[in-house]
Amino acid sequence: MQRARSLTWVMRLCGGTSAASLALLSILVVGDVILRNTGLARWSWLSELTEYLLTISTFTGAPWVLHNHGHVNVDVLLRTVSAAKARWLVRASNLLGGVISAILLVVAVRVTFDSYALGSLVFKNLIFPEWYLMTPVVLCFGLCTAEFLTRIVTREAHA
């Protein structure tokens, strides 16, 4: 039970991070438009930063959406089969989602470690280690894997 509460807390933190990233992105874009049109400033790095904020918001938001059952469900099949078969299909989809998330987690971790070991850098307007960009991906697939495992262990049948 404590583990599920901890996971819920982490998922809320992810949702908040995603929302904050989108809010910051909105503020920066509006500020850039105002400053450019008034001739006060030109932020050459803003386009690049918006890419990174979109990445952060997407990969921190995905586990939160999954945890809160906010993802899109195509439940046409579930409505046509018996309740027992529908529960089985949901469990099978949780297992498949967990396996896919775990595979993507392993790939993301390998890419992150390789990037770190090679000392790869992102060279655009902003220069920083490439592995920084992979940390939200690792976090996302790690938490999605944990969410699917929690559903499997608790035999959650929410469709």
Protein backbone atom coordinates (compact mmCIF):
# COMPACT_ATOMS: atom_id res chain seq x y z
CA MET A 1 0.00 0.00 0.00
CA GLN A 2 2.84 2.40 0.91
CA ARG A 3 4.50 1.60 -2.42
CA ALA A 4 1.32 2.53 -4.30
CA ARG A 5 1.07 5.81 -2.36
CA SER A 6 4.69 6.62 -3.15
CA LEU A 7 4.08 5.90 -6.82
CA THR A 8 1.02 8.17 -6.76
CA TRP A 9 3.11 10.95 -5.22
CA VAL A 10 5.81 10.55 -7.89
CA MET A 11 3.16 10.54 -10.63
CA ARG A 12 1.68 13.77 -9.26
CA LEU A 13 5.14 15.30 -9.28
CA CYS A 14 5.49 14.25 -12.93
CA GLY A 15 2.13 15.79 -13.80
CA GLY A 16 3.13 19.01 -12.06
CA THR A 17 6.48 19.07 -13.85
CA SER A 18 4.73 18.56 -17.17
CA ALA A 19 2.25 21.35 -16.48
CA ALA A 20 5.01 23.70 -15.28
CA SER A 21 7.05 22.98 -18.42
CA LEU A 22 4.09 23.83 -20.64
CA ALA A 23 3.34 26.97 -18.63
CA LEU A 24 6.96 28.13 -18.89
CA LEU A 25 6.95 27.38 -22.60
CA SER A 26 3.82 29.51 -23.06
CA ILE A 27 5.26 32.41 -21.07
CA LEU A 28 8.56 32.31 -22.96
CA VAL A 29 6.90 32.22 -26.38
CA VAL A 30 4.58 35.13 -25.54
CA GLY A 31 7.51 37.07 -24.09
CA ASP A 32 9.60 36.39 -27.18
CA VAL A 33 6.84 37.60 -29.51
CA ILE A 34 6.42 40.80 -27.50
CA LEU A 35 10.15 41.49 -27.25
CA ARG A 36 10.79 40.75 -30.93
CA ASN A 37 7.89 42.87 -32.15
CA THR A 38 8.90 45.81 -29.97
CA GLY A 39 12.54 45.44 -31.03
CA LEU A 40 13.75 45.14 -27.44
CA ALA A 41 15.41 41.73 -27.68
CA ARG A 42 15.89 38.62 -29.77
CA TRP A 43 16.23 35.29 -27.98
CA SER A 44 18.11 33.06 -30.42
CA TRP A 45 18.06 30.16 -27.96
CA LEU A 46 14.29 30.18 -27.41
CA SER A 47 13.36 27.82 -30.25
CA GLU A 48 15.80 25.26 -28.93
CA LEU A 49 14.58 25.68 -25.36
CA THR A 50 10.97 25.13 -26.47
CA GLU A 51 12.00 21.80 -28.00
CA TYR A 52 13.49 20.73 -24.68
CA LEU A 53 10.48 21.94 -22.70
CA LEU A 54 8.18 19.97 -25.02
CA THR A 55 10.33 16.88 -24.47
CA ILE A 56 10.21 17.34 -20.70
CA SER A 57 6.46 17.95 -20.66
CA THR A 58 5.75 14.94 -22.88
CA PHE A 59 7.96 12.45 -21.09
CA THR A 60 7.00 13.57 -17.58
CA GLY A 61 3.32 13.84 -18.49
CA ALA A 62 2.98 10.37 -20.01
CA PRO A 63 3.36 8.40 -16.75
CA TRP A 64 0.94 10.77 -14.99
CA VAL A 65 -1.65 10.31 -17.75
CA LEU A 66 -1.24 6.52 -17.61
CA HIS A 67 -1.51 6.49 -13.80
CA ASN A 68 -4.73 8.53 -13.92
CA HIS A 69 -6.27 6.48 -16.75
CA GLY A 70 -6.29 9.60 -18.91
CA HIS A 71 -4.98 7.82 -21.97
CA VAL A 72 -7.17 7.04 -24.95
CA ASN A 73 -8.98 3.72 -24.71
CA VAL A 74 -10.48 1.97 -27.68
CA ASP A 75 -12.92 -0.16 -25.77
CA VAL A 76 -15.14 -1.33 -28.63
CA LEU A 77 -13.84 -4.88 -28.21
CA LEU A 78 -14.22 -4.78 -24.42
CA ARG A 79 -17.90 -3.90 -24.80
CA THR A 80 -18.58 -6.86 -27.07
CA VAL A 81 -17.11 -9.61 -24.87
CA SER A 82 -18.10 -10.95 -21.47
CA ALA A 83 -16.88 -9.22 -18.30
CA ALA A 84 -14.43 -12.07 -17.61
CA LYS A 85 -12.93 -11.83 -21.10
CA ALA A 86 -12.78 -8.04 -20.83
CA ARG A 87 -10.82 -8.33 -17.56
CA TRP A 88 -8.48 -10.83 -19.21
CA LEU A 89 -7.93 -8.46 -22.16
CA VAL A 90 -7.17 -5.57 -19.79
CA ARG A 91 -4.67 -7.71 -17.89
CA ALA A 92 -3.09 -8.84 -21.15
CA SER A 93 -2.81 -5.23 -22.32
CA ASN A 94 -1.23 -4.27 -18.97
CA LEU A 95 1.29 -7.08 -19.40
CA LEU A 96 2.05 -6.04 -22.99
CA GLY A 97 2.34 -2.40 -21.96
CA GLY A 98 4.70 -3.38 -19.15
CA VAL A 99 6.90 -5.46 -21.45
CA ILE A 100 7.06 -2.72 -24.09
CA SER A 101 7.80 -0.05 -21.46
CA ALA A 102 10.52 -2.24 -19.92
CA ILE A 103 12.15 -2.80 -23.33
CA LEU A 104 12.07 0.94 -24.05
CA LEU A 105 13.48 1.60 -20.57
CA VAL A 106 16.42 -0.72 -21.22
CA VAL A 107 17.11 0.94 -24.58
CA ALA A 108 16.85 4.43 -23.07
CA VAL A 109 19.20 3.51 -20.21
CA ARG A 110 21.74 2.07 -22.66
CA VAL A 111 21.60 5.16 -24.87
CA THR A 112 21.95 7.41 -21.82
CA PHE A 113 24.97 5.51 -20.50
CA ASP A 114 26.58 5.42 -23.96
CA SER A 115 26.08 9.15 -24.37
CA TYR A 116 27.55 9.77 -20.91
CA ALA A 117 30.52 7.45 -21.52
CA LEU A 118 31.31 9.07 -24.87
CA GLY A 119 30.97 12.56 -23.43
CA SER A 120 28.62 13.50 -26.27
CA LEU A 121 27.50 17.12 -26.34
CA VAL A 122 24.56 18.89 -27.93
CA PHE A 123 25.93 21.78 -30.00
CA LYS A 124 23.24 24.27 -30.91
CA ASN A 125 22.67 27.66 -29.33
CA LEU A 126 22.93 25.93 -25.97
CA ILE A 127 25.76 23.47 -25.35
CA PHE A 128 25.34 20.71 -22.76
CA PRO A 129 25.84 16.94 -22.33
CA GLU A 130 23.57 14.92 -24.60
CA TRP A 131 22.60 12.49 -21.85
CA TYR A 132 20.63 15.29 -20.16
CA LEU A 133 18.05 14.92 -22.94
CA MET A 134 17.64 11.21 -22.20
CA THR A 135 16.87 11.52 -18.49
CA PRO A 136 13.17 12.38 -19.02
CA VAL A 137 12.90 9.39 -21.38
CA VAL A 138 14.42 7.04 -18.80
CA LEU A 139 12.14 8.49 -16.11
CA CYS A 140 9.08 8.10 -18.35
CA PHE A 141 9.61 4.47 -19.27
CA GLY A 142 10.75 3.56 -15.77
CA LEU A 143 7.56 4.98 -14.27
CA CYS A 144 5.33 3.52 -17.00
CA THR A 145 6.90 0.11 -16.35
CA ALA A 146 6.28 0.56 -12.60
CA GLU A 147 2.67 1.57 -13.25
CA PHE A 148 2.00 -1.45 -15.44
CA LEU A 149 3.67 -3.76 -12.90
CA THR A 150 1.54 -2.26 -10.13
CA ARG A 151 -1.58 -2.91 -12.20
CA ILE A 152 -0.51 -6.50 -12.86
CA VAL A 153 0.37 -7.23 -9.22
CA THR A 154 -2.82 -5.63 -7.86
CA ARG A 155 -4.82 -7.27 -10.67
CA GLU A 156 -6.32 -3.93 -11.57
CA ALA A 157 -8.95 -4.40 -14.24
CA HIS A 158 -9.73 -0.76 -14.99
CA ALA A 159 -10.18 -0.34 -18.73
